[in-house]
Amino acid sequence: MRPPGTVWIFSDSCDRTIPGRKNFQSFARKWAGTSYDQMLGTADRGFSETFGVIAFAEYARASGEKEYLDLARKIMDLILDLYKNPGAGYGDSLGPKINPEARQSRGHSMAMIQINTLQTLRDADKENDYNKLIDNAIDEVFTYFAKPEKKALFETVGINGEFMDTPEGRCINPGHAIETAWFIMEEGKYRNDKGLVEKALPIIDWSLERGWDDKYGGVFYFVDGDER
């Protein structure tokens, strides 16, 4: 049995959240596009929208209001479609974020956030199976960004996962890397897959070894993979 104080905290949180969810829905509709079927271009090409999916999915789980789960599903479908096919079906407003002929690379952040977003959606949505999509995002992390030979998870790599000896290519974000390992370990816990947990653990070790600030404590925002 939960103590009365805990019940009050959760009840008060719901009372405060219920009015706010309509404001957020209105804001998302205004800035994500003229409708949820017409997303406009954003600088992060879907990254920000993942937080909307998380919010709507969690609210649907807490309130039981299915319309918010439907909304979370719909936005997630748009994000995945946009990630696989930049600009496809959304008009001229959503071409590739960069010139693909001038810059052949891929970034780690979308694979990372997809793992967490899909896990949250799975918790709220018992009608659909998200495991394969989560597998795809995890595979992307280990196929392209995690480099055991360099003991690092890089933020940006070549289109086929090759290391790029440029300031962008050498960039490590220790916090992002630790987050990614955390999400993967949570997936291992969910599936009772000890091997997946153990596969993610070295990423934490690498990130703390490279990113810990011995002088002041805490983790550096960015570090150079070659310590330049």
C-alpha atoms as a PDB file:
ATOM      1  CA  MET A   1       0.000   0.000   0.000  1.00  0.00           C
ATOM      2  CA  ARG A   2       1.360   3.414  -0.925  1.00  0.00           C
ATOM      3  CA  PRO A   3       1.579   5.959   1.926  1.00  0.00           C
ATOM      4  CA  PRO A   4      -1.011   8.796   1.785  1.00  0.00           C
ATOM      5  CA  GLY A   5       1.693  11.332   0.942  1.00  0.00           C
ATOM      6  CA  THR A   6       2.610   9.409  -2.195  1.00  0.00           C
ATOM      7  CA  VAL A   7      -1.035   9.281  -3.281  1.00  0.00           C
ATOM      8  CA  TRP A   8      -1.310  13.040  -2.771  1.00  0.00           C
ATOM      9  CA  ILE A   9       1.832  13.732  -4.815  1.00  0.00           C
ATOM     10  CA  PHE A  10       0.620  11.677  -7.775  1.00  0.00           C
ATOM     11  CA  SER A  11      -2.915  13.097  -7.529  1.00  0.00           C
ATOM     12  CA  ASP A  12      -1.600  16.652  -7.414  1.00  0.00           C
ATOM     13  CA  SER A  13       0.704  15.952 -10.361  1.00  0.00           C
ATOM     14  CA  CYS A  14      -2.247  14.663 -12.410  1.00  0.00           C
ATOM     15  CA  ASP A  15      -4.325  17.716 -11.489  1.00  0.00           C
ATOM     16  CA  ARG A  16      -1.533  19.968 -12.728  1.00  0.00           C
ATOM     17  CA  THR A  17      -0.804  17.913 -15.837  1.00  0.00           C
ATOM     18  CA  ILE A  18      -4.324  17.541 -17.224  1.00  0.00           C
ATOM     19  CA  PRO A  19      -4.801  21.242 -18.130  1.00  0.00           C
ATOM     20  CA  GLY A  20      -1.253  21.476 -19.463  1.00  0.00           C
ATOM     21  CA  ARG A  21      -1.564  18.628 -21.919  1.00  0.00           C
ATOM     22  CA  LYS A  22      -3.985  20.614 -24.086  1.00  0.00           C
ATOM     23  CA  ASN A  23      -1.574  23.560 -24.160  1.00  0.00           C
ATOM     24  CA  PHE A  24       1.202  21.222 -25.266  1.00  0.00           C
ATOM     25  CA  GLN A  25      -1.038  19.627 -27.875  1.00  0.00           C
ATOM     26  CA  SER A  26      -1.895  23.075 -29.238  1.00  0.00           C
ATOM     27  CA  PHE A  27       1.778  24.095 -29.258  1.00  0.00           C
ATOM     28  CA  ALA A  28       2.801  20.898 -31.045  1.00  0.00           C
ATOM     29  CA  ARG A  29       0.101  21.347 -33.649  1.00  0.00           C
ATOM     30  CA  LYS A  30       1.180  24.944 -34.273  1.00  0.00           C
ATOM     31  CA  TRP A  31       4.907  24.313 -34.564  1.00  0.00           C
ATOM     32  CA  ALA A  32       5.017  20.759 -35.919  1.00  0.00           C
ATOM     33  CA  GLY A  33       2.881  21.704 -38.890  1.00  0.00           C
ATOM     34  CA  THR A  34      -0.556  22.683 -40.089  1.00  0.00           C
ATOM     35  CA  SER A  35      -1.718  19.218 -39.047  1.00  0.00           C
ATOM     36  CA  TYR A  36      -0.068  16.051 -37.822  1.00  0.00           C
ATOM     37  CA  ASP A  37      -0.103  14.857 -41.422  1.00  0.00           C
ATOM     38  CA  GLN A  38       1.872  17.886 -42.608  1.00  0.00           C
ATOM     39  CA  MET A  39       5.012  18.194 -40.538  1.00  0.00           C
ATOM     40  CA  LEU A  40       7.137  21.188 -41.377  1.00  0.00           C
ATOM     41  CA  GLY A  41      10.918  21.271 -41.413  1.00  0.00           C
ATOM     42  CA  THR A  42      12.745  21.372 -38.091  1.00  0.00           C
ATOM     43  CA  ALA A  43      16.419  21.816 -37.382  1.00  0.00           C
ATOM     44  CA  ASP A  44      16.729  18.414 -35.728  1.00  0.00           C
ATOM     45  CA  ARG A  45      14.570  16.526 -38.241  1.00  0.00           C
ATOM     46  CA  GLY A  46      12.397  14.685 -35.728  1.00  0.00           C
ATOM     47  CA  PHE A  47      14.554  14.721 -32.589  1.00  0.00           C
ATOM     48  CA  SER A  48      12.427  17.296 -30.759  1.00  0.00           C
ATOM     49  CA  GLU A  49       9.257  15.474 -31.778  1.00  0.00           C
ATOM     50  CA  THR A  50      10.376  12.355 -29.927  1.00  0.00           C
ATOM     51  CA  PHE A  51       9.815  14.220 -26.658  1.00  0.00           C
ATOM     52  CA  GLY A  52       6.253  14.848 -27.780  1.00  0.00           C
ATOM     53  CA  VAL A  53       5.798  11.112 -28.343  1.00  0.00           C
ATOM     54  CA  ILE A  54       7.160  10.383 -24.867  1.00  0.00           C
ATOM     55  CA  ALA A  55       4.888  12.987 -23.271  1.00  0.00           C
ATOM     56  CA  PHE A  56       1.717  11.902 -25.080  1.00  0.00           C
ATOM     57  CA  ALA A  57       2.414   8.200 -24.481  1.00  0.00           C
ATOM     58  CA  GLU A  58       3.024   8.679 -20.771  1.00  0.00           C
ATOM     59  CA  TYR A  59      -0.043  10.892 -20.443  1.00  0.00           C
ATOM     60  CA  ALA A  60      -2.173   8.294 -22.225  1.00  0.00           C
ATOM     61  CA  ARG A  61      -0.876   5.612 -19.875  1.00  0.00           C
ATOM     62  CA  ALA A  62      -1.666   7.717 -16.800  1.00  0.00           C
ATOM     63  CA  SER A  63      -5.064   9.012 -17.931  1.00  0.00           C
ATOM     64  CA  GLY A  64      -6.383   6.196 -20.093  1.00  0.00           C
ATOM     65  CA  GLU A  65      -7.263   8.708 -22.833  1.00  0.00           C
ATOM     66  CA  LYS A  66      -6.666   6.757 -26.028  1.00  0.00           C
ATOM     67  CA  GLU A  67      -6.621   9.829 -28.281  1.00  0.00           C
ATOM     68  CA  TYR A  68      -3.210  10.738 -26.857  1.00  0.00           C
ATOM     69  CA  LEU A  69      -1.853   7.262 -27.499  1.00  0.00           C
ATOM     70  CA  ASP A  70      -3.118   7.509 -31.078  1.00  0.00           C
ATOM     71  CA  LEU A  71      -1.359  10.852 -31.368  1.00  0.00           C
ATOM     72  CA  ALA A  72       1.896   9.414 -29.997  1.00  0.00           C
ATOM     73  CA  ARG A  73       1.721   6.548 -32.506  1.00  0.00           C
ATOM     74  CA  LYS A  74       1.055   8.905 -35.389  1.00  0.00           C
ATOM     75  CA  ILE A  75       3.958  11.214 -34.579  1.00  0.00           C
ATOM     76  CA  MET A  76       6.270   8.222 -34.104  1.00  0.00           C
ATOM     77  CA  ASP A  77       5.326   6.903 -37.535  1.00  0.00           C
ATOM     78  CA  LEU A  78       6.155  10.297 -39.039  1.00  0.00           C
ATOM     79  CA  ILE A  79       9.511  10.411 -37.239  1.00  0.00           C
ATOM     80  CA  LEU A  80      10.503   6.950 -38.452  1.00  0.00           C
ATOM     81  CA  ASP A  81       9.400   7.683 -42.001  1.00  0.00           C
ATOM     82  CA  LEU A  82      11.292  10.958 -42.017  1.00  0.00           C
ATOM     83  CA  TYR A  83      14.401   9.289 -40.585  1.00  0.00           C
ATOM     84  CA  LYS A  84      14.439   6.599 -43.271  1.00  0.00           C
ATOM     85  CA  ASN A  85      13.316   8.839 -46.146  1.00  0.00           C
ATOM     86  CA  PRO A  86      14.254  12.503 -45.565  1.00  0.00           C
ATOM     87  CA  GLY A  87      11.732  14.687 -47.353  1.00  0.00           C
ATOM     88  CA  ALA A  88       9.620  11.805 -48.638  1.00  0.00           C
ATOM     89  CA  GLY A  89       5.962  12.717 -48.823  1.00  0.00           C
ATOM     90  CA  TYR A  90       6.306  16.015 -47.000  1.00  0.00           C
ATOM     91  CA  GLY A  91       6.841  18.410 -49.874  1.00  0.00           C
ATOM     92  CA  ASP A  92       9.773  20.689 -50.551  1.00  0.00           C
ATOM     93  CA  SER A  93       9.922  21.915 -46.948  1.00  0.00           C
ATOM     94  CA  LEU A  94      11.669  18.729 -45.832  1.00  0.00           C
ATOM     95  CA  GLY A  95      14.623  18.037 -48.018  1.00  0.00           C
ATOM     96  CA  PRO A  96      17.763  16.525 -46.501  1.00  0.00           C
ATOM     97  CA  LYS A  97      19.137  18.488 -43.550  1.00  0.00           C
ATOM     98  CA  ILE A  98      22.525  18.678 -45.279  1.00  0.00           C
ATOM     99  CA  ASN A  99      23.775  18.318 -48.834  1.00  0.00           C
ATOM    100  CA  PRO A 100      24.349  14.540 -49.043  1.00  0.00           C
ATOM    101  CA  GLU A 101      26.800  14.969 -51.915  1.00  0.00           C
ATOM    102  CA  ALA A 102      29.010  17.283 -49.890  1.00  0.00           C
ATOM    103  CA  ARG A 103      28.767  15.537 -46.546  1.00  0.00           C
ATOM    104  CA  GLN A 104      28.501  11.766 -46.353  1.00  0.00           C
ATOM    105  CA  SER A 105      27.917  11.096 -42.653  1.00  0.00           C
ATOM    106  CA  ARG A 106      25.422   9.844 -40.097  1.00  0.00           C
ATOM    107  CA  GLY A 107      24.713  10.996 -36.539  1.00  0.00           C
ATOM    108  CA  HIS A 108      24.268   8.987 -33.366  1.00  0.00           C
ATOM    109  CA  SER A 109      21.580  11.028 -31.596  1.00  0.00           C
ATOM    110  CA  MET A 110      18.536   9.765 -33.509  1.00  0.00           C
ATOM    111  CA  ALA A 111      19.398   6.109 -32.905  1.00  0.00           C
ATOM    112  CA  MET A 112      19.837   6.894 -29.209  1.00  0.00           C
ATOM    113  CA  ILE A 113      16.549   8.741 -28.748  1.00  0.00           C
ATOM    114  CA  GLN A 114      14.594   6.225 -30.815  1.00  0.00           C
ATOM    115  CA  ILE A 115      15.487   3.483 -28.325  1.00  0.00           C
ATOM    116  CA  ASN A 116      14.089   5.438 -25.380  1.00  0.00           C
ATOM    117  CA  THR A 117      11.063   6.797 -27.246  1.00  0.00           C
ATOM    118  CA  LEU A 118      10.033   3.385 -28.537  1.00  0.00           C
ATOM    119  CA  GLN A 119      10.496   1.858 -25.077  1.00  0.00           C
ATOM    120  CA  THR A 120       8.153   4.474 -23.611  1.00  0.00           C
ATOM    121  CA  LEU A 121       5.619   3.948 -26.379  1.00  0.00           C
ATOM    122  CA  ARG A 122       5.775   0.190 -25.836  1.00  0.00           C
ATOM    123  CA  ASP A 123       4.941   0.661 -22.145  1.00  0.00           C
ATOM    124  CA  ALA A 124       1.812   2.596 -23.103  1.00  0.00           C
ATOM    125  CA  ASP A 125       0.763   0.648 -26.196  1.00  0.00           C
ATOM    126  CA  LYS A 126       0.005  -3.021 -25.630  1.00  0.00           C
ATOM    127  CA  GLU A 127      -1.579  -3.431 -29.068  1.00  0.00           C
ATOM    128  CA  ASN A 128       1.623  -3.118 -31.100  1.00  0.00           C
ATOM    129  CA  ASP A 129       5.045  -4.788 -31.029  1.00  0.00           C
ATOM    130  CA  TYR A 130       7.913  -2.301 -30.932  1.00  0.00           C
ATOM    131  CA  ASN A 131      10.735  -4.762 -30.264  1.00  0.00           C
ATOM    132  CA  LYS A 132      11.928  -4.977 -33.871  1.00  0.00           C
ATOM    133  CA  LEU A 133      12.131  -1.201 -34.163  1.00  0.00           C
ATOM    134  CA  ILE A 134      14.094  -1.072 -30.911  1.00  0.00           C
ATOM    135  CA  ASP A 135      16.380  -3.822 -32.224  1.00  0.00           C
ATOM    136  CA  ASN A 136      17.025  -1.764 -35.354  1.00  0.00           C
ATOM    137  CA  ALA A 137      18.047   1.291 -33.331  1.00  0.00           C
ATOM    138  CA  ILE A 138      20.310  -0.748 -31.039  1.00  0.00           C
ATOM    139  CA  ASP A 139      21.911  -2.481 -34.025  1.00  0.00           C
ATOM    140  CA  GLU A 140      22.593   0.921 -35.552  1.00  0.00           C
ATOM    141  CA  VAL A 141      24.458   2.014 -32.413  1.00  0.00           C
ATOM    142  CA  PHE A 142      26.754  -1.016 -32.426  1.00  0.00           C
ATOM    143  CA  THR A 143      27.139  -1.242 -36.201  1.00  0.00           C
ATOM    144  CA  TYR A 144      28.065   2.376 -36.840  1.00  0.00           C
ATOM    145  CA  PHE A 145      28.956   4.373 -33.726  1.00  0.00           C
ATOM    146  CA  ALA A 146      30.499   2.123 -31.054  1.00  0.00           C
ATOM    147  CA  LYS A 147      34.197   1.582 -31.807  1.00  0.00           C
ATOM    148  CA  PRO A 148      35.789  -0.959 -29.405  1.00  0.00           C
ATOM    149  CA  GLU A 149      39.180  -0.521 -31.091  1.00  0.00           C
ATOM    150  CA  LYS A 150      39.104   3.168 -30.135  1.00  0.00           C
ATOM    151  CA  LYS A 151      37.220   2.633 -26.868  1.00  0.00           C
ATOM    152  CA  ALA A 152      34.665   5.257 -27.828  1.00  0.00           C
ATOM    153  CA  LEU A 153      31.165   5.855 -29.084  1.00  0.00           C
ATOM    154  CA  PHE A 154      31.358   8.669 -31.646  1.00  0.00           C
ATOM    155  CA  GLU A 155      28.644  11.222 -32.354  1.00  0.00           C
ATOM    156  CA  THR A 156      29.270  11.357 -36.104  1.00  0.00           C
ATOM    157  CA  VAL A 157      30.704   8.750 -38.459  1.00  0.00           C
ATOM    158  CA  GLY A 158      30.898   8.181 -42.188  1.00  0.00           C
ATOM    159  CA  ILE A 159      27.829   6.919 -43.983  1.00  0.00           C
ATOM    160  CA  ASN A 160      29.064   3.329 -43.613  1.00  0.00           C
ATOM    161  CA  GLY A 161      30.283   3.799 -40.049  1.00  0.00           C
ATOM    162  CA  GLU A 162      33.867   4.692 -40.892  1.00  0.00           C
ATOM    163  CA  PHE A 163      35.842   6.907 -38.517  1.00  0.00           C
ATOM    164  CA  MET A 164      36.241  10.467 -39.834  1.00  0.00           C
ATOM    165  CA  ASP A 165      39.453  12.257 -38.871  1.00  0.00           C
ATOM    166  CA  THR A 166      37.842  15.690 -38.636  1.00  0.00           C
ATOM    167  CA  PRO A 167      36.778  17.776 -35.608  1.00  0.00           C
ATOM    168  CA  GLU A 168      33.210  16.563 -36.126  1.00  0.00           C
ATOM    169  CA  GLY A 169      34.254  12.961 -36.642  1.00  0.00           C
ATOM    170  CA  ARG A 170      36.471  12.874 -33.537  1.00  0.00           C
ATOM    171  CA  CYS A 171      33.723  14.339 -31.351  1.00  0.00           C
ATOM    172  CA  ILE A 172      32.593  12.262 -28.381  1.00  0.00           C
ATOM    173  CA  ASN A 173      29.672  13.325 -26.195  1.00  0.00           C
ATOM    174  CA  PRO A 174      30.211  11.275 -23.016  1.00  0.00           C
ATOM    175  CA  GLY A 175      26.755  12.078 -21.660  1.00  0.00           C
ATOM    176  CA  HIS A 176      25.025  10.962 -24.851  1.00  0.00           C
ATOM    177  CA  ALA A 177      27.064   7.784 -24.918  1.00  0.00           C
ATOM    178  CA  ILE A 178      26.216   6.982 -21.291  1.00  0.00           C
ATOM    179  CA  GLU A 179      22.529   7.628 -22.013  1.00  0.00           C
ATOM    180  CA  THR A 180      22.655   5.241 -24.936  1.00  0.00           C
ATOM    181  CA  ALA A 181      24.234   2.523 -22.799  1.00  0.00           C
ATOM    182  CA  TRP A 182      21.597   3.113 -20.120  1.00  0.00           C
ATOM    183  CA  PHE A 183      18.734   2.714 -22.617  1.00  0.00           C
ATOM    184  CA  ILE A 184      20.291  -0.460 -24.020  1.00  0.00           C
ATOM    185  CA  MET A 185      20.812  -1.879 -20.530  1.00  0.00           C
ATOM    186  CA  GLU A 186      17.167  -1.123 -19.727  1.00  0.00           C
ATOM    187  CA  GLU A 187      16.225  -3.119 -22.816  1.00  0.00           C
ATOM    188  CA  GLY A 188      18.395  -5.988 -21.621  1.00  0.00           C
ATOM    189  CA  LYS A 189      16.646  -5.861 -18.252  1.00  0.00           C
ATOM    190  CA  TYR A 190      13.212  -5.803 -19.926  1.00  0.00           C
ATOM    191  CA  ARG A 191      14.051  -8.864 -22.034  1.00  0.00           C
ATOM    192  CA  ASN A 192      16.082 -10.611 -19.337  1.00  0.00           C
ATOM    193  CA  ASP A 193      18.987 -10.525 -21.786  1.00  0.00           C
ATOM    194  CA  LYS A 194      22.204 -10.413 -19.773  1.00  0.00           C
ATOM    195  CA  GLY A 195      24.264 -10.421 -22.970  1.00  0.00           C
ATOM    196  CA  LEU A 196      22.726  -7.139 -24.097  1.00  0.00           C
ATOM    197  CA  VAL A 197      23.489  -5.543 -20.736  1.00  0.00           C
ATOM    198  CA  GLU A 198      27.095  -6.728 -20.890  1.00  0.00           C
ATOM    199  CA  LYS A 199      27.424  -5.447 -24.455  1.00  0.00           C
ATOM    200  CA  ALA A 200      26.438  -1.943 -23.325  1.00  0.00           C
ATOM    201  CA  LEU A 201      28.614  -1.781 -20.203  1.00  0.00           C
ATOM    202  CA  PRO A 202      31.918  -1.009 -22.004  1.00  0.00           C
ATOM    203  CA  ILE A 203      30.350   2.143 -23.488  1.00  0.00           C
ATOM    204  CA  ILE A 204      29.938   3.497 -19.952  1.00  0.00           C
ATOM    205  CA  ASP A 205      33.534   2.601 -19.080  1.00  0.00           C
ATOM    206  CA  TRP A 206      34.887   4.265 -22.236  1.00  0.00           C
ATOM    207  CA  SER A 207      32.800   7.372 -21.696  1.00  0.00           C
ATOM    208  CA  LEU A 208      33.795   7.865 -18.075  1.00  0.00           C
ATOM    209  CA  GLU A 209      37.444   7.164 -18.842  1.00  0.00           C
ATOM    210  CA  ARG A 210      37.481   9.780 -21.585  1.00  0.00           C
ATOM    211  CA  GLY A 211      34.911  12.215 -20.252  1.00  0.00           C
ATOM    212  CA  TRP A 212      35.381  12.463 -16.498  1.00  0.00           C
ATOM    213  CA  ASP A 213      36.782  15.793 -15.283  1.00  0.00           C
ATOM    214  CA  ASP A 214      39.419  14.801 -12.720  1.00  0.00           C
ATOM    215  CA  LYS A 215      39.957  18.396 -11.621  1.00  0.00           C
ATOM    216  CA  TYR A 216      36.412  19.621 -10.996  1.00  0.00           C
ATOM    217  CA  GLY A 217      34.338  16.448 -11.172  1.00  0.00           C
ATOM    218  CA  GLY A 218      31.459  15.750 -13.506  1.00  0.00           C
ATOM    219  CA  VAL A 219      31.494  14.833 -17.168  1.00  0.00           C
ATOM    220  CA  PHE A 220      32.723  17.019 -20.008  1.00  0.00           C
ATOM    221  CA  TYR A 221      30.128  18.043 -22.579  1.00  0.00           C
ATOM    222  CA  PHE A 222      32.363  17.104 -25.522  1.00  0.00           C
ATOM    223  CA  VAL A 223      35.833  15.582 -25.863  1.00  0.00           C
ATOM    224  CA  ASP A 224      38.089  14.962 -28.854  1.00  0.00           C
ATOM    225  CA  GLY A 225      38.597  11.267 -29.572  1.00  0.00           C
ATOM    226  CA  ASP A 226      42.291  11.861 -30.301  1.00  0.00           C
ATOM    227  CA  GLU A 227      42.711  14.319 -27.397  1.00  0.00           C
ATOM    228  CA  ARG A 228      43.666  17.126 -29.765  1.00  0.00           C
END
